Amino acid sequence: MFSTRRDSRTWLVGLPCRSDNSRIVWLYYVVGEASDSAEAVRAAVRRANSASERDARGQLPLEPDRTEVRRIRQHILGDFTLEAC
């Protein structure tokens, strides 16, 4: 599959947190221009730990040890795929 150059630094990062009733809730962030998956995770965690995000999820803590990361690729014909990292 061919992909365009400009999408090669776009990532989808999933961060879990545990709700009040102990259910896992996944928060997903699209991170652009990260050079690798580790940098994408750091950017997503910074966003998730912002005051507005913490307030939105009721101050529930993240569980970053279970992070999910996918690279977003766009096929030359326009279709998007999520590539495992």
C-alpha atoms as a PDB file:
ATOM      1  CA  MET A   1       0.000   0.000   0.000  1.00  0.00           C
ATOM      2  CA  PHE A   2       1.307   3.424  -0.904  1.00  0.00           C
ATOM      3  CA  SER A   3       0.815   6.320   1.481  1.00  0.00           C
ATOM      4  CA  THR A   4       1.354  10.024   1.164  1.00  0.00           C
ATOM      5  CA  ARG A   5       4.362  11.678   2.796  1.00  0.00           C
ATOM      6  CA  ARG A   6       2.433  14.197   4.808  1.00  0.00           C
ATOM      7  CA  ASP A   7       0.517  11.610   6.858  1.00  0.00           C
ATOM      8  CA  SER A   8       3.573   9.698   8.021  1.00  0.00           C
ATOM      9  CA  ARG A   9       3.783  11.699  11.254  1.00  0.00           C
ATOM     10  CA  THR A  10       0.160  11.459  12.307  1.00  0.00           C
ATOM     11  CA  TRP A  11      -0.732   9.151  15.180  1.00  0.00           C
ATOM     12  CA  LEU A  12      -3.841   7.938  16.995  1.00  0.00           C
ATOM     13  CA  VAL A  13      -3.072   7.465  20.687  1.00  0.00           C
ATOM     14  CA  GLY A  14      -5.511   5.738  23.043  1.00  0.00           C
ATOM     15  CA  LEU A  15      -5.159   6.370  26.772  1.00  0.00           C
ATOM     16  CA  PRO A  16      -7.287   4.414  29.231  1.00  0.00           C
ATOM     17  CA  CYS A  17      -8.740   5.703  32.459  1.00  0.00           C
ATOM     18  CA  ARG A  18     -10.967   3.960  34.971  1.00  0.00           C
ATOM     19  CA  SER A  19     -14.441   5.357  35.563  1.00  0.00           C
ATOM     20  CA  ASP A  20     -16.099   5.641  38.972  1.00  0.00           C
ATOM     21  CA  ASN A  21     -17.721   2.224  38.501  1.00  0.00           C
ATOM     22  CA  SER A  22     -14.329   0.656  37.576  1.00  0.00           C
ATOM     23  CA  ARG A  23     -15.017   0.442  33.844  1.00  0.00           C
ATOM     24  CA  ILE A  24     -12.170   1.233  31.479  1.00  0.00           C
ATOM     25  CA  VAL A  25     -12.859   4.272  29.299  1.00  0.00           C
ATOM     26  CA  TRP A  26     -10.542   4.949  26.361  1.00  0.00           C
ATOM     27  CA  LEU A  27      -9.638   8.505  25.399  1.00  0.00           C
ATOM     28  CA  TYR A  28      -8.285   8.889  21.862  1.00  0.00           C
ATOM     29  CA  TYR A  29      -6.084  11.726  20.625  1.00  0.00           C
ATOM     30  CA  VAL A  30      -4.890  12.467  17.109  1.00  0.00           C
ATOM     31  CA  VAL A  31      -1.309  13.711  17.312  1.00  0.00           C
ATOM     32  CA  GLY A  32       0.342  15.294  14.292  1.00  0.00           C
ATOM     33  CA  GLU A  33       4.025  15.885  13.621  1.00  0.00           C
ATOM     34  CA  ALA A  34       5.410  13.503  16.251  1.00  0.00           C
ATOM     35  CA  SER A  35       8.620  11.900  15.028  1.00  0.00           C
ATOM     36  CA  ASP A  36       7.865   8.530  16.625  1.00  0.00           C
ATOM     37  CA  SER A  37       5.288   6.705  18.716  1.00  0.00           C
ATOM     38  CA  ALA A  38       6.940   7.617  22.029  1.00  0.00           C
ATOM     39  CA  GLU A  39       6.761  11.319  21.221  1.00  0.00           C
ATOM     40  CA  ALA A  40       3.127  10.890  20.157  1.00  0.00           C
ATOM     41  CA  VAL A  41       2.306   9.265  23.498  1.00  0.00           C
ATOM     42  CA  ARG A  42       3.984  12.084  25.420  1.00  0.00           C
ATOM     43  CA  ALA A  43       1.979  14.672  23.464  1.00  0.00           C
ATOM     44  CA  ALA A  44      -1.284  12.799  24.081  1.00  0.00           C
ATOM     45  CA  VAL A  45      -0.560  12.494  27.812  1.00  0.00           C
ATOM     46  CA  ARG A  46       0.167  16.247  27.986  1.00  0.00           C
ATOM     47  CA  ARG A  47      -3.189  16.946  26.360  1.00  0.00           C
ATOM     48  CA  ALA A  48      -5.007  14.456  28.581  1.00  0.00           C
ATOM     49  CA  ASN A  49      -3.482  16.029  31.689  1.00  0.00           C
ATOM     50  CA  SER A  50      -4.542  19.565  30.764  1.00  0.00           C
ATOM     51  CA  ALA A  51      -6.960  21.188  33.196  1.00  0.00           C
ATOM     52  CA  SER A  52      -9.874  21.158  30.743  1.00  0.00           C
ATOM     53  CA  GLU A  53      -9.412  17.460  29.910  1.00  0.00           C
ATOM     54  CA  ARG A  54      -9.108  16.456  33.583  1.00  0.00           C
ATOM     55  CA  ASP A  55     -12.265  18.438  34.364  1.00  0.00           C
ATOM     56  CA  ALA A  56     -14.115  16.826  31.448  1.00  0.00           C
ATOM     57  CA  ARG A  57     -13.398  13.331  32.755  1.00  0.00           C
ATOM     58  CA  GLY A  58     -14.116  14.226  36.382  1.00  0.00           C
ATOM     59  CA  GLN A  59     -10.460  14.160  37.506  1.00  0.00           C
ATOM     60  CA  LEU A  60     -10.220  10.420  36.819  1.00  0.00           C
ATOM     61  CA  PRO A  61      -6.562   9.354  36.540  1.00  0.00           C
ATOM     62  CA  LEU A  62      -5.042   7.906  33.381  1.00  0.00           C
ATOM     63  CA  GLU A  63      -3.592   4.409  33.205  1.00  0.00           C
ATOM     64  CA  PRO A  64      -0.723   5.120  30.755  1.00  0.00           C
ATOM     65  CA  ASP A  65       0.783   1.626  31.092  1.00  0.00           C
ATOM     66  CA  ARG A  66      -1.972   0.342  28.755  1.00  0.00           C
ATOM     67  CA  THR A  67      -1.526   2.907  25.971  1.00  0.00           C
ATOM     68  CA  GLU A  68      -2.558   2.009  22.415  1.00  0.00           C
ATOM     69  CA  VAL A  69      -0.746   3.674  19.497  1.00  0.00           C
ATOM     70  CA  ARG A  70      -1.514   3.506  15.775  1.00  0.00           C
ATOM     71  CA  ARG A  71       0.032   5.410  12.900  1.00  0.00           C
ATOM     72  CA  ILE A  72      -2.542   7.005  10.624  1.00  0.00           C
ATOM     73  CA  ARG A  73      -1.736   6.400   6.982  1.00  0.00           C
ATOM     74  CA  GLN A  74      -3.581   7.680   3.955  1.00  0.00           C
ATOM     75  CA  HIS A  75      -3.606   5.501   0.873  1.00  0.00           C
ATOM     76  CA  ILE A  76      -2.675   7.252  -2.336  1.00  0.00           C
ATOM     77  CA  LEU A  77      -6.344   6.997  -3.389  1.00  0.00           C
ATOM     78  CA  GLY A  78      -7.545   8.646  -0.187  1.00  0.00           C
ATOM     79  CA  ASP A  79      -8.453   5.728   2.102  1.00  0.00           C
ATOM     80  CA  PHE A  80      -7.157   5.909   5.679  1.00  0.00           C
ATOM     81  CA  THR A  81      -5.721   2.987   7.629  1.00  0.00           C
ATOM     82  CA  LEU A  82      -4.453   2.543  11.181  1.00  0.00           C
ATOM     83  CA  GLU A  83      -1.066   0.866  11.251  1.00  0.00           C
ATOM     84  CA  ALA A  84       0.048  -0.994  14.376  1.00  0.00           C
ATOM     85  CA  CYS A  85       3.206   0.254  16.050  1.00  0.00           C
END
